[in-house]
Amino acid sequence: MTLKEIALKNLVRRKSKAAFILAGLVIGVMTMVAVISLVEAMTSDINEKLEKYGANILVVPKTENLPLTYGGISLGGVSFEMEEIRQADLARVGSIKNASNVAAMGPIVLGVIQVNTHKALLAGVDFKASKILKPWWQVTGTLPGEDGVLLGGEAAQVMKLKAGDSVEIKNHPFTVSGVLKSTGSQDDQMVFTRLSTAQSLLGKQGRVSMAEVAALCKDCPINEMVRQISEVLPGAKVMAIQQVVKGRMETLAHFRKFSFGVSGIVLLIGSLVVLVTMMGSIKERTDEIGIFRAIGFRKSHVMRIVFIEAGVVSGLAGLLGYLGGIGAAKIAIRFFFDSQTVSVPLDFKLAGSAFVLALTVGLVSSVYPALMAARLDPNEALRAL
């Protein structure tokens, strides 16, 4: 009979002990998998929602002039009399190391215009990029074409204009294609049109006043991206909107720390369960181990039997713990999120980690009981029979 057969038959004979060890490890691994899977799902959902905040990096010209506030954000010295950024230079951003992290970049040109009897701030924007940079925009009507303008909600009220009305800007006829619903920001008082149209009206062809950048920020280095953009645009000032970035990173870090902390504590308890149960099993089998030693089994053989038993139970616990953890996470997700938008996919890397971790915890916790079994004096063990 081989050592493996002895170990397996011993597990069959002592089902209750094996089940107790299995339960301890399954609970530990299941908790770890469930918490990590839940946190990863939450992280993914939070990151997706945070991306909807739009731009988190601003590119503005370097200047010593008085500052201008746009959208409640201080842009650190934008002036309409100064020389703006060359639009062609913005293409260099696509050459930075972390260019793949740039979700969208929207150039903006700004200038003061006269609409009927009212002065207003005109913004020429890239409306395709604005869908990512300003996802909170809600337009009554349509986005403007070459001869159209989009009015902020407050601007439309003050000017008494609505979608479909005609206006004249610098002797050019335009149609109000849409009205922006109130956003609670400076956008409500502004007039928007296509970038090329605004550049033509303001005489700023090929120039932009600033550029907004939306970075895909799951694990992306915002400060490093700011440095890289600054290097390719030496004539511009590049700034990160720290409130969004720091809040995002801190939230993700707290979730991860919580998951690892809880998992570590539960696995420690599971390892203690294995240790105590294995020690109790060794004491119960003193006579059996004495017989093994008396018929010629070496200390290493006895230790291998103990390790095989622990390895079989631990490996099974890793598999069951992973499946149970994924199931628990899928159930828990329903109480925290809309299950239609957040999912817990099978992660084979996590499954492998759970299996290896359970095996490691089981074997490490069995080292002392195995040594205790190997050191048993066969004479004393046989004398007890």
Protein backbone atom coordinates (compact mmCIF):
# COMPACT_ATOMS: atom_id res chain seq x y z
CA MET A 1 0.00 0.00 0.00
CA THR A 2 1.44 3.38 -1.01
CA LEU A 3 1.62 6.47 1.19
CA LYS A 4 -1.03 8.14 -0.96
CA GLU A 5 -3.47 5.25 -0.46
CA ILE A 6 -2.85 5.30 3.30
CA ALA A 7 -3.56 9.04 3.44
CA LEU A 8 -6.74 8.80 1.35
CA LYS A 9 -8.13 5.86 3.34
CA ASN A 10 -7.41 7.73 6.55
CA LEU A 11 -9.46 10.68 5.27
CA VAL A 12 -12.33 8.32 4.46
CA ARG A 13 -12.17 6.75 7.94
CA ARG A 14 -12.08 10.11 9.69
CA LYS A 15 -14.71 11.96 7.69
CA SER A 16 -15.67 14.33 10.51
CA LYS A 17 -12.11 15.58 11.01
CA ALA A 18 -11.59 16.00 7.26
CA ALA A 19 -14.93 17.79 6.95
CA PHE A 20 -14.02 20.17 9.78
CA ILE A 21 -10.70 21.08 8.13
CA LEU A 22 -12.45 21.41 4.77
CA ALA A 23 -15.11 23.70 6.22
CA GLY A 24 -12.54 25.94 7.90
CA LEU A 25 -10.55 26.42 4.71
CA VAL A 26 -13.62 26.72 2.46
CA ILE A 27 -15.02 29.52 4.62
CA GLY A 28 -11.67 31.35 4.55
CA VAL A 29 -11.16 31.00 0.79
CA MET A 30 -14.81 31.72 0.03
CA THR A 31 -14.66 34.93 2.06
CA MET A 32 -11.49 36.01 0.32
CA VAL A 33 -12.87 35.29 -3.16
CA ALA A 34 -16.25 36.87 -2.40
CA VAL A 35 -14.78 40.07 -0.96
CA ILE A 36 -12.16 40.48 -3.69
CA SER A 37 -14.69 39.73 -6.45
CA LEU A 38 -17.18 42.15 -4.92
CA VAL A 39 -14.55 44.86 -4.56
CA GLU A 40 -13.35 44.38 -8.13
CA ALA A 41 -16.93 44.62 -9.41
CA MET A 42 -17.52 47.72 -7.28
CA THR A 43 -14.22 49.21 -8.45
CA SER A 44 -15.13 48.63 -12.09
CA ASP A 45 -18.57 50.18 -11.60
CA ILE A 46 -17.23 53.16 -9.63
CA ASN A 47 -14.48 53.73 -12.20
CA GLU A 48 -17.03 53.65 -15.02
CA LYS A 49 -19.23 56.18 -13.21
CA LEU A 50 -16.31 58.43 -12.37
CA GLU A 51 -15.31 58.52 -16.03
CA LYS A 52 -18.64 60.24 -16.64
CA TYR A 53 -17.33 63.29 -14.80
CA GLY A 54 -15.61 64.20 -18.04
CA ALA A 55 -12.35 66.11 -18.32
CA ASN A 56 -9.75 65.69 -15.58
CA ILE A 57 -6.74 67.34 -17.28
CA LEU A 58 -6.69 70.90 -18.64
CA VAL A 59 -4.22 72.36 -21.14
CA VAL A 60 -4.05 76.16 -21.12
CA PRO A 61 -1.54 78.74 -22.37
CA LYS A 62 1.18 79.97 -20.05
CA THR A 63 0.50 83.60 -19.14
CA GLU A 64 1.08 86.30 -16.53
CA ASN A 65 -2.34 87.84 -17.16
CA LEU A 66 -5.31 87.90 -14.81
CA PRO A 67 -7.06 84.52 -14.41
CA LEU A 68 -10.33 83.49 -16.01
CA THR A 69 -12.69 81.01 -14.40
CA TYR A 70 -14.45 78.54 -16.66
CA GLY A 71 -16.91 75.93 -15.39
CA GLY A 72 -16.06 76.77 -11.80
CA ILE A 73 -12.43 75.78 -12.40
CA SER A 74 -9.61 78.29 -12.26
CA LEU A 75 -7.69 78.00 -15.51
CA GLY A 76 -4.68 79.89 -14.21
CA GLY A 77 -4.39 82.80 -16.59
CA VAL A 78 -6.38 82.41 -19.78
CA SER A 79 -6.82 85.73 -21.54
CA PHE A 80 -8.53 86.54 -24.81
CA GLU A 81 -5.84 89.07 -25.74
CA MET A 82 -3.02 86.60 -25.41
CA GLU A 83 -1.68 84.24 -28.05
CA GLU A 84 -3.53 80.95 -27.80
CA ILE A 85 -2.25 77.41 -28.29
CA ARG A 86 -1.76 76.26 -31.86
CA GLN A 87 -4.34 73.60 -32.64
CA ALA A 88 -1.84 71.56 -34.65
CA ASP A 89 0.41 71.24 -31.58
CA LEU A 90 -2.30 69.30 -29.72
CA ALA A 91 -1.69 66.35 -32.05
CA ARG A 92 1.57 65.76 -30.13
CA VAL A 93 -0.44 64.46 -27.20
CA GLY A 94 -1.06 61.33 -29.27
CA SER A 95 2.67 60.58 -29.14
CA ILE A 96 3.08 60.45 -25.35
CA LYS A 97 3.80 57.16 -23.62
CA ASN A 98 0.37 57.00 -21.98
CA ALA A 99 -1.57 58.10 -25.07
CA SER A 100 -3.74 54.99 -24.77
CA ASN A 101 -5.11 56.41 -21.50
CA VAL A 102 -6.53 59.47 -23.26
CA ALA A 103 -10.25 58.86 -23.79
CA ALA A 104 -10.90 62.20 -25.50
CA MET A 105 -9.36 65.60 -26.03
CA GLY A 106 -11.51 68.59 -26.80
CA PRO A 107 -9.96 71.87 -28.01
CA ILE A 108 -11.91 75.02 -27.12
CA VAL A 109 -11.65 78.53 -28.54
CA LEU A 110 -13.23 81.38 -26.57
CA GLY A 111 -14.20 84.91 -27.45
CA VAL A 112 -16.72 87.66 -26.73
CA ILE A 113 -19.51 88.19 -29.29
CA GLN A 114 -22.63 90.31 -29.67
CA VAL A 115 -25.92 88.42 -30.04
CA ASN A 116 -28.75 90.87 -30.75
CA THR A 117 -28.36 93.38 -27.90
CA HIS A 118 -26.51 91.05 -25.55
CA LYS A 119 -22.84 90.33 -25.15
CA ALA A 120 -21.98 86.67 -24.58
CA LEU A 121 -19.04 84.36 -24.36
CA LEU A 122 -18.74 82.20 -27.46
CA ALA A 123 -17.12 78.77 -27.18
CA GLY A 124 -16.09 76.80 -30.22
CA VAL A 125 -15.97 73.12 -29.27
CA ASP A 126 -15.58 69.68 -30.77
CA PHE A 127 -19.07 68.26 -30.21
CA LYS A 128 -17.91 64.71 -30.88
CA ALA A 129 -15.41 64.93 -28.01
CA SER A 130 -17.97 66.73 -25.83
CA LYS A 131 -20.01 63.52 -25.60
CA ILE A 132 -17.18 62.11 -23.46
CA LEU A 133 -15.97 65.36 -21.90
CA LYS A 134 -19.45 66.64 -20.96
CA PRO A 135 -21.72 63.59 -20.71
CA TRP A 136 -24.12 65.49 -18.44
CA TRP A 137 -25.19 67.80 -21.28
CA GLN A 138 -28.84 67.47 -22.23
CA VAL A 139 -29.90 69.33 -25.35
CA THR A 140 -33.40 70.39 -26.33
CA GLY A 141 -33.13 70.25 -30.11
CA THR A 142 -29.98 69.14 -31.92
CA LEU A 143 -26.28 69.87 -31.87
CA PRO A 144 -25.33 72.69 -34.24
CA GLY A 145 -23.98 72.33 -37.74
CA GLU A 146 -21.70 74.78 -39.52
CA ASP A 147 -24.29 77.60 -39.34
CA GLY A 148 -25.87 76.71 -36.03
CA VAL A 149 -25.37 77.62 -32.38
CA LEU A 150 -26.19 75.92 -29.11
CA LEU A 151 -27.33 78.21 -26.31
CA GLY A 152 -26.90 77.66 -22.61
CA GLY A 153 -30.17 77.54 -20.71
CA GLU A 154 -29.72 80.91 -19.00
CA ALA A 155 -28.40 82.55 -22.16
CA ALA A 156 -31.52 81.42 -24.06
CA GLN A 157 -33.79 82.91 -21.38
CA VAL A 158 -31.97 86.25 -21.28
CA MET A 159 -31.88 86.51 -25.07
CA LYS A 160 -35.46 85.19 -25.35
CA LEU A 161 -34.46 82.63 -27.95
CA LYS A 162 -35.45 79.04 -28.55
CA ALA A 163 -34.56 76.19 -30.89
CA GLY A 164 -35.32 77.15 -34.48
CA ASP A 165 -34.87 80.91 -34.03
CA SER A 166 -32.44 82.86 -36.19
CA VAL A 167 -29.70 85.16 -34.87
CA GLU A 168 -26.97 87.26 -36.43
CA ILE A 169 -23.40 87.11 -35.13
CA LYS A 170 -20.82 89.41 -36.73
CA ASN A 171 -23.00 89.84 -39.82
CA HIS A 172 -23.37 86.08 -40.24
CA PRO A 173 -26.83 84.47 -39.94
CA PHE A 174 -27.07 81.51 -37.59
CA THR A 175 -29.85 79.21 -36.47
CA VAL A 176 -30.36 78.20 -32.84
CA SER A 177 -30.27 74.44 -33.31
CA GLY A 178 -30.69 73.61 -29.64
CA VAL A 179 -30.81 74.84 -26.06
CA LEU A 180 -28.72 73.31 -23.31
CA LYS A 181 -30.65 72.29 -20.21
CA SER A 182 -29.44 73.88 -17.00
CA THR A 183 -26.16 72.39 -15.75
CA GLY A 184 -25.52 74.69 -12.79
CA SER A 185 -22.22 75.77 -14.34
CA GLN A 186 -20.93 78.60 -16.52
CA ASP A 187 -22.08 76.61 -19.55
CA ASP A 188 -25.58 77.98 -18.85
CA GLN A 189 -24.50 81.53 -19.82
CA MET A 190 -22.50 80.62 -22.92
CA VAL A 191 -23.07 80.26 -26.65
CA PHE A 192 -21.56 77.18 -28.31
CA THR A 193 -20.78 76.47 -31.92
CA ARG A 194 -18.47 74.25 -33.91
CA LEU A 195 -14.75 74.83 -33.35
CA SER A 196 -14.03 75.80 -36.98
CA THR A 197 -17.00 78.18 -37.07
CA ALA A 198 -15.93 79.94 -33.86
CA GLN A 199 -12.33 80.22 -35.07
CA SER A 200 -13.55 81.88 -38.25
CA LEU A 201 -15.85 84.30 -36.40
CA LEU A 202 -13.17 85.27 -33.89
CA GLY A 203 -10.32 85.41 -36.40
CA LYS A 204 -8.43 82.69 -34.58
CA GLN A 205 -7.96 80.11 -37.30
CA GLY A 206 -5.70 77.30 -36.14
CA ARG A 207 -5.71 78.59 -32.55
CA VAL A 208 -7.42 77.35 -29.41
CA SER A 209 -7.82 78.95 -25.99
CA MET A 210 -7.52 75.67 -24.06
CA ALA A 211 -8.01 71.92 -24.35
CA GLU A 212 -9.83 69.55 -22.04
CA VAL A 213 -8.54 65.99 -21.70
CA ALA A 214 -10.45 63.02 -20.31
CA ALA A 215 -8.10 60.28 -19.13
CA LEU A 216 -9.09 56.69 -18.56
CA CYS A 217 -8.06 56.66 -14.94
CA LYS A 218 -8.27 53.09 -13.75
CA ASP A 219 -4.67 52.63 -12.61
CA CYS A 220 -3.49 55.38 -14.97
CA PRO A 221 -0.77 57.76 -13.70
CA ILE A 222 -2.41 61.17 -13.92
CA ASN A 223 0.61 63.10 -12.65
CA GLU A 224 2.87 61.25 -15.08
CA MET A 225 0.47 62.04 -17.93
CA VAL A 226 0.53 65.72 -16.95
CA ARG A 227 4.33 65.62 -17.09
CA GLN A 228 4.33 63.89 -20.49
CA ILE A 229 1.84 66.36 -21.99
CA SER A 230 3.86 69.27 -20.59
CA GLU A 231 6.97 67.95 -22.34
CA VAL A 232 5.30 67.78 -25.76
CA LEU A 233 3.53 71.13 -25.24
CA PRO A 234 6.23 73.33 -23.67
CA GLY A 235 4.28 76.50 -24.41
CA ALA A 236 1.24 75.37 -22.44
CA LYS A 237 0.38 74.88 -18.80
CA VAL A 238 -1.02 71.41 -18.06
CA MET A 239 -3.04 70.84 -14.89
CA ALA A 240 -4.83 67.88 -13.33
CA ILE A 241 -8.18 68.45 -11.66
CA GLN A 242 -6.96 66.99 -8.40
CA GLN A 243 -10.34 66.75 -6.66
CA VAL A 244 -11.61 64.17 -9.14
CA VAL A 245 -8.36 62.26 -9.50
CA LYS A 246 -7.47 62.07 -5.80
CA GLY A 247 -10.99 61.13 -4.78
CA ARG A 248 -11.05 58.37 -7.37
CA MET A 249 -7.69 56.90 -6.40
CA GLU A 250 -8.38 57.09 -2.66
CA THR A 251 -11.72 55.33 -3.05
CA LEU A 252 -10.18 52.46 -5.01
CA ALA A 253 -7.30 52.15 -2.54
CA HIS A 254 -9.64 51.98 0.46
CA PHE A 255 -11.72 49.25 -1.16
CA ARG A 256 -8.65 47.16 -1.92
CA LYS A 257 -7.18 47.56 1.58
CA PHE A 258 -10.49 46.55 3.11
CA SER A 259 -10.73 43.43 0.94
CA PHE A 260 -7.21 42.27 1.69
CA GLY A 261 -7.57 42.98 5.41
CA VAL A 262 -10.78 41.00 5.79
CA SER A 263 -9.44 38.15 3.66
CA GLY A 264 -6.24 37.96 5.70
CA ILE A 265 -8.09 37.75 9.01
CA VAL A 266 -10.47 35.03 7.82
CA LEU A 267 -7.63 32.99 6.30
CA LEU A 268 -5.68 33.27 9.54
CA ILE A 269 -8.65 31.83 11.40
CA GLY A 270 -8.88 29.07 8.80
CA SER A 271 -5.21 28.21 9.25
CA LEU A 272 -5.70 27.97 13.04
CA VAL A 273 -8.62 25.60 12.46
CA VAL A 274 -6.38 23.39 10.31
CA LEU A 275 -3.58 23.48 12.87
CA VAL A 276 -5.77 22.58 15.86
CA THR A 277 -7.70 19.89 13.98
CA MET A 278 -4.55 18.26 12.60
CA MET A 279 -2.91 18.24 16.03
CA GLY A 280 -6.00 16.59 17.50
CA SER A 281 -5.97 14.03 14.70
CA ILE A 282 -2.30 13.20 15.32
CA LYS A 283 -2.94 12.62 19.04
CA GLU A 284 -5.83 10.29 18.20
CA ARG A 285 -3.61 8.30 15.84
CA THR A 286 -0.66 7.81 18.16
CA ASP A 287 -1.03 4.01 18.09
CA GLU A 288 -1.40 3.95 14.29
CA ILE A 289 1.73 6.07 13.81
CA GLY A 290 3.60 3.86 16.30
CA ILE A 291 2.76 0.79 14.21
CA PHE A 292 3.93 2.52 11.05
CA ARG A 293 7.24 3.40 12.72
CA ALA A 294 7.60 -0.12 14.13
CA ILE A 295 7.22 -1.79 10.74
CA GLY A 296 9.88 0.40 9.17
CA PHE A 297 8.25 3.70 8.15
CA ARG A 298 10.68 6.59 8.37
CA LYS A 299 9.93 9.99 9.86
CA SER A 300 9.75 11.43 6.36
CA HIS A 301 7.11 8.82 5.41
CA VAL A 302 4.92 9.81 8.36
CA MET A 303 5.27 13.49 7.48
CA ARG A 304 4.40 12.81 3.86
CA ILE A 305 1.19 11.03 4.92
CA VAL A 306 0.16 14.06 6.96
CA PHE A 307 1.02 16.45 4.13
CA ILE A 308 -0.87 14.37 1.55
CA GLU A 309 -3.98 14.42 3.75
CA ALA A 310 -3.67 18.18 4.25
CA GLY A 311 -2.94 18.77 0.55
CA VAL A 312 -5.98 16.81 -0.68
CA VAL A 313 -8.35 18.59 1.70
CA SER A 314 -6.77 22.03 1.06
CA GLY A 315 -6.88 21.64 -2.72
CA LEU A 316 -10.55 20.66 -2.60
CA ALA A 317 -11.20 23.58 -0.25
CA GLY A 318 -9.58 25.96 -2.76
CA LEU A 319 -11.87 24.83 -5.58
CA LEU A 320 -15.04 24.79 -3.47
CA GLY A 321 -14.09 28.09 -1.85
CA TYR A 322 -13.68 29.79 -5.21
CA LEU A 323 -17.01 28.55 -6.54
CA GLY A 324 -18.74 29.45 -3.27
CA GLY A 325 -17.10 32.89 -3.21
CA ILE A 326 -18.19 33.70 -6.75
CA GLY A 327 -21.72 32.60 -5.91
CA ALA A 328 -21.75 34.70 -2.73
CA ALA A 329 -20.46 37.74 -4.64
CA LYS A 330 -23.17 37.37 -7.30
CA ILE A 331 -25.82 37.30 -4.57
CA ALA A 332 -24.28 40.22 -2.63
CA ILE A 333 -24.06 42.36 -5.79
CA ARG A 334 -27.86 42.45 -5.94
CA PHE A 335 -27.99 44.27 -2.61
CA PHE A 336 -25.38 46.90 -3.54
CA PHE A 337 -25.90 47.58 -7.24
CA ASP A 338 -28.27 47.14 -10.12
CA SER A 339 -27.42 43.58 -11.19
CA GLN A 340 -28.13 44.56 -14.79
CA THR A 341 -25.13 46.92 -14.89
CA VAL A 342 -22.65 45.17 -12.57
CA SER A 343 -21.51 41.59 -13.05
CA VAL A 344 -19.04 39.21 -11.39
CA PRO A 345 -17.28 37.30 -14.16
CA LEU A 346 -15.31 34.09 -13.69
CA ASP A 347 -11.68 34.97 -13.10
CA PHE A 348 -9.35 32.04 -13.75
CA LYS A 349 -6.42 33.97 -12.31
CA LEU A 350 -8.33 34.44 -9.06
CA ALA A 351 -9.36 30.77 -9.15
CA GLY A 352 -5.73 29.71 -9.47
CA SER A 353 -4.73 32.08 -6.68
CA ALA A 354 -7.47 30.69 -4.43
CA PHE A 355 -6.34 27.12 -5.08
CA VAL A 356 -2.66 27.90 -4.44
CA LEU A 357 -3.46 29.96 -1.35
CA ALA A 358 -5.67 27.25 0.16
CA LEU A 359 -3.01 24.63 -0.56
CA THR A 360 -0.30 26.81 0.96
CA VAL A 361 -2.32 27.61 4.09
CA GLY A 362 -3.23 23.94 4.57
CA LEU A 363 0.33 22.68 4.14
CA VAL A 364 1.95 25.40 6.25
CA SER A 365 -0.58 24.82 9.04
CA SER A 366 0.25 21.10 8.91
CA VAL A 367 3.99 21.50 9.36
CA TYR A 368 3.92 21.43 13.17
CA PRO A 369 1.45 18.51 13.41
CA ALA A 370 3.57 16.59 10.85
CA LEU A 371 6.73 17.20 12.87
CA MET A 372 4.91 16.17 16.03
CA ALA A 373 3.80 12.93 14.36
CA ALA A 374 7.29 12.19 13.04
CA ARG A 375 8.85 12.68 16.48
CA LEU A 376 6.56 10.22 18.23
CA ASP A 377 8.51 7.46 19.98
CA PRO A 378 7.25 4.15 18.49
CA ASN A 379 7.98 2.33 21.76
CA GLU A 380 5.72 4.64 23.76
CA ALA A 381 3.05 4.48 21.07
CA LEU A 382 3.06 0.65 21.08
CA ARG A 383 3.17 0.52 24.87
CA ALA A 384 -0.15 2.42 24.91
CA LEU A 385 -1.87 -0.33 22.93
